[in-house]
Amino acid sequence: MNLNPATVLDPVFHFLDWIIAEWGVYIYLVFVWLSLILIAWIFSGGLRRKFPNQPNVRAGIGIVIQPHTPPPRIIIHEYDPPDDGLD
């Protein structure tokens, strides 16, 4: 009986290689969509503890878009030295 872990797990590794080679793109897409659903669940409060005697409070996310205002004008004046006769 061979108890070498590399030899014992060799059929498992071959199976996983075959699954990834044949169905890898679809598995990737499933994990992407599941991760998006998981992130939405976490943001909606899925990880918060529910205490029995507390009111149900919901909060939403608001986006405020302010119109673009042009920057204030910058007026540049040349320096005029005082006329004190020291030129």
C-alpha atoms as a PDB file:
ATOM      1  CA  MET A   1       0.000   0.000   0.000  1.00  0.00           C
ATOM      2  CA  ASN A   2       1.423   3.326  -1.085  1.00  0.00           C
ATOM      3  CA  LEU A   3       0.646   6.168   1.361  1.00  0.00           C
ATOM      4  CA  ASN A   4       2.661   8.825  -0.408  1.00  0.00           C
ATOM      5  CA  PRO A   5       0.362  11.889  -0.528  1.00  0.00           C
ATOM      6  CA  ALA A   6       1.445  12.777  -4.063  1.00  0.00           C
ATOM      7  CA  THR A   7       0.515   9.335  -5.322  1.00  0.00           C
ATOM      8  CA  VAL A   8      -2.725   9.089  -3.360  1.00  0.00           C
ATOM      9  CA  LEU A   9      -3.958  12.486  -4.540  1.00  0.00           C
ATOM     10  CA  ASP A  10      -2.824  12.021  -8.144  1.00  0.00           C
ATOM     11  CA  PRO A  11      -6.318  11.032  -9.440  1.00  0.00           C
ATOM     12  CA  VAL A  12      -7.794  14.083  -7.715  1.00  0.00           C
ATOM     13  CA  PHE A  13      -5.253  16.356  -9.386  1.00  0.00           C
ATOM     14  CA  HIS A  14      -5.942  14.808 -12.781  1.00  0.00           C
ATOM     15  CA  PHE A  15      -9.674  15.292 -12.275  1.00  0.00           C
ATOM     16  CA  LEU A  16      -9.209  18.949 -11.276  1.00  0.00           C
ATOM     17  CA  ASP A  17      -6.932  19.553 -14.277  1.00  0.00           C
ATOM     18  CA  TRP A  18      -9.575  18.062 -16.577  1.00  0.00           C
ATOM     19  CA  ILE A  19     -12.386  20.134 -15.009  1.00  0.00           C
ATOM     20  CA  ILE A  20     -10.389  23.361 -15.350  1.00  0.00           C
ATOM     21  CA  ALA A  21      -9.352  22.564 -18.917  1.00  0.00           C
ATOM     22  CA  GLU A  22     -12.903  21.752 -20.045  1.00  0.00           C
ATOM     23  CA  TRP A  23     -15.089  23.989 -17.882  1.00  0.00           C
ATOM     24  CA  GLY A  24     -12.671  26.643 -16.569  1.00  0.00           C
ATOM     25  CA  VAL A  25     -14.293  29.637 -18.248  1.00  0.00           C
ATOM     26  CA  TYR A  26     -17.741  28.742 -16.972  1.00  0.00           C
ATOM     27  CA  ILE A  27     -16.445  28.074 -13.465  1.00  0.00           C
ATOM     28  CA  TYR A  28     -14.716  31.474 -13.541  1.00  0.00           C
ATOM     29  CA  LEU A  29     -17.934  33.224 -14.607  1.00  0.00           C
ATOM     30  CA  VAL A  30     -19.920  31.498 -11.863  1.00  0.00           C
ATOM     31  CA  PHE A  31     -17.386  32.622  -9.242  1.00  0.00           C
ATOM     32  CA  VAL A  32     -17.468  36.211 -10.563  1.00  0.00           C
ATOM     33  CA  TRP A  33     -21.261  36.399 -10.344  1.00  0.00           C
ATOM     34  CA  LEU A  34     -21.310  34.723  -6.937  1.00  0.00           C
ATOM     35  CA  SER A  35     -18.725  37.190  -5.648  1.00  0.00           C
ATOM     36  CA  LEU A  36     -20.855  40.120  -6.867  1.00  0.00           C
ATOM     37  CA  ILE A  37     -23.887  38.670  -5.102  1.00  0.00           C
ATOM     38  CA  LEU A  38     -21.815  38.127  -1.949  1.00  0.00           C
ATOM     39  CA  ILE A  39     -20.525  41.721  -1.997  1.00  0.00           C
ATOM     40  CA  ALA A  40     -24.075  43.053  -2.439  1.00  0.00           C
ATOM     41  CA  TRP A  41     -25.251  40.892   0.463  1.00  0.00           C
ATOM     42  CA  ILE A  42     -22.432  42.170   2.695  1.00  0.00           C
ATOM     43  CA  PHE A  43     -23.173  45.808   1.796  1.00  0.00           C
ATOM     44  CA  SER A  44     -26.867  45.307   2.502  1.00  0.00           C
ATOM     45  CA  GLY A  45     -26.050  44.237   6.056  1.00  0.00           C
ATOM     46  CA  GLY A  46     -25.698  40.500   5.746  1.00  0.00           C
ATOM     47  CA  LEU A  47     -22.850  40.320   8.247  1.00  0.00           C
ATOM     48  CA  ARG A  48     -24.481  42.473  10.934  1.00  0.00           C
ATOM     49  CA  ARG A  49     -25.748  40.741  14.031  1.00  0.00           C
ATOM     50  CA  LYS A  50     -29.481  40.769  14.514  1.00  0.00           C
ATOM     51  CA  PHE A  51     -30.469  41.558  18.081  1.00  0.00           C
ATOM     52  CA  PRO A  52     -34.005  40.471  18.991  1.00  0.00           C
ATOM     53  CA  ASN A  53     -35.371  43.688  20.571  1.00  0.00           C
ATOM     54  CA  GLN A  54     -33.977  46.343  18.245  1.00  0.00           C
ATOM     55  CA  PRO A  55     -35.923  48.168  15.550  1.00  0.00           C
ATOM     56  CA  ASN A  56     -35.252  47.409  11.936  1.00  0.00           C
ATOM     57  CA  VAL A  57     -33.192  50.304  10.546  1.00  0.00           C
ATOM     58  CA  ARG A  58     -32.385  50.582   6.870  1.00  0.00           C
ATOM     59  CA  ALA A  59     -29.976  53.011   5.271  1.00  0.00           C
ATOM     60  CA  GLY A  60     -29.520  53.779   1.620  1.00  0.00           C
ATOM     61  CA  ILE A  61     -26.619  55.074  -0.371  1.00  0.00           C
ATOM     62  CA  GLY A  62     -27.153  58.436  -2.035  1.00  0.00           C
ATOM     63  CA  ILE A  63     -25.079  59.972  -4.776  1.00  0.00           C
ATOM     64  CA  VAL A  64     -24.990  63.763  -5.029  1.00  0.00           C
ATOM     65  CA  ILE A  65     -23.930  65.251  -8.340  1.00  0.00           C
ATOM     66  CA  GLN A  66     -23.133  68.951  -8.215  1.00  0.00           C
ATOM     67  CA  PRO A  67     -23.027  71.001 -11.400  1.00  0.00           C
ATOM     68  CA  HIS A  68     -19.624  72.121 -12.503  1.00  0.00           C
ATOM     69  CA  THR A  69     -18.863  75.743 -11.685  1.00  0.00           C
ATOM     70  CA  PRO A  70     -16.045  77.442 -13.539  1.00  0.00           C
ATOM     71  CA  PRO A  71     -13.024  78.376 -11.428  1.00  0.00           C
ATOM     72  CA  PRO A  72     -12.716  82.003 -10.370  1.00  0.00           C
ATOM     73  CA  ARG A  73     -10.886  84.296 -12.738  1.00  0.00           C
ATOM     74  CA  ILE A  74      -7.275  85.013 -11.953  1.00  0.00           C
ATOM     75  CA  ILE A  75      -6.350  88.563 -12.790  1.00  0.00           C
ATOM     76  CA  ILE A  76      -2.646  89.181 -13.207  1.00  0.00           C
ATOM     77  CA  HIS A  77      -1.327  92.734 -12.932  1.00  0.00           C
ATOM     78  CA  GLU A  78       2.169  93.800 -13.751  1.00  0.00           C
ATOM     79  CA  TYR A  79       4.035  95.384 -10.893  1.00  0.00           C
ATOM     80  CA  ASP A  80       4.225  99.144 -11.176  1.00  0.00           C
ATOM     81  CA  PRO A  81       6.970 100.482  -8.917  1.00  0.00           C
ATOM     82  CA  PRO A  82       6.131 103.615  -7.053  1.00  0.00           C
ATOM     83  CA  ASP A  83       7.302 106.811  -8.638  1.00  0.00           C
ATOM     84  CA  ASP A  84       9.670 107.980  -5.900  1.00  0.00           C
ATOM     85  CA  GLY A  85      12.502 109.161  -8.174  1.00  0.00           C
ATOM     86  CA  LEU A  86      14.993 106.371  -7.317  1.00  0.00           C
ATOM     87  CA  ASP A  87      15.195 104.981 -10.885  1.00  0.00           C
END
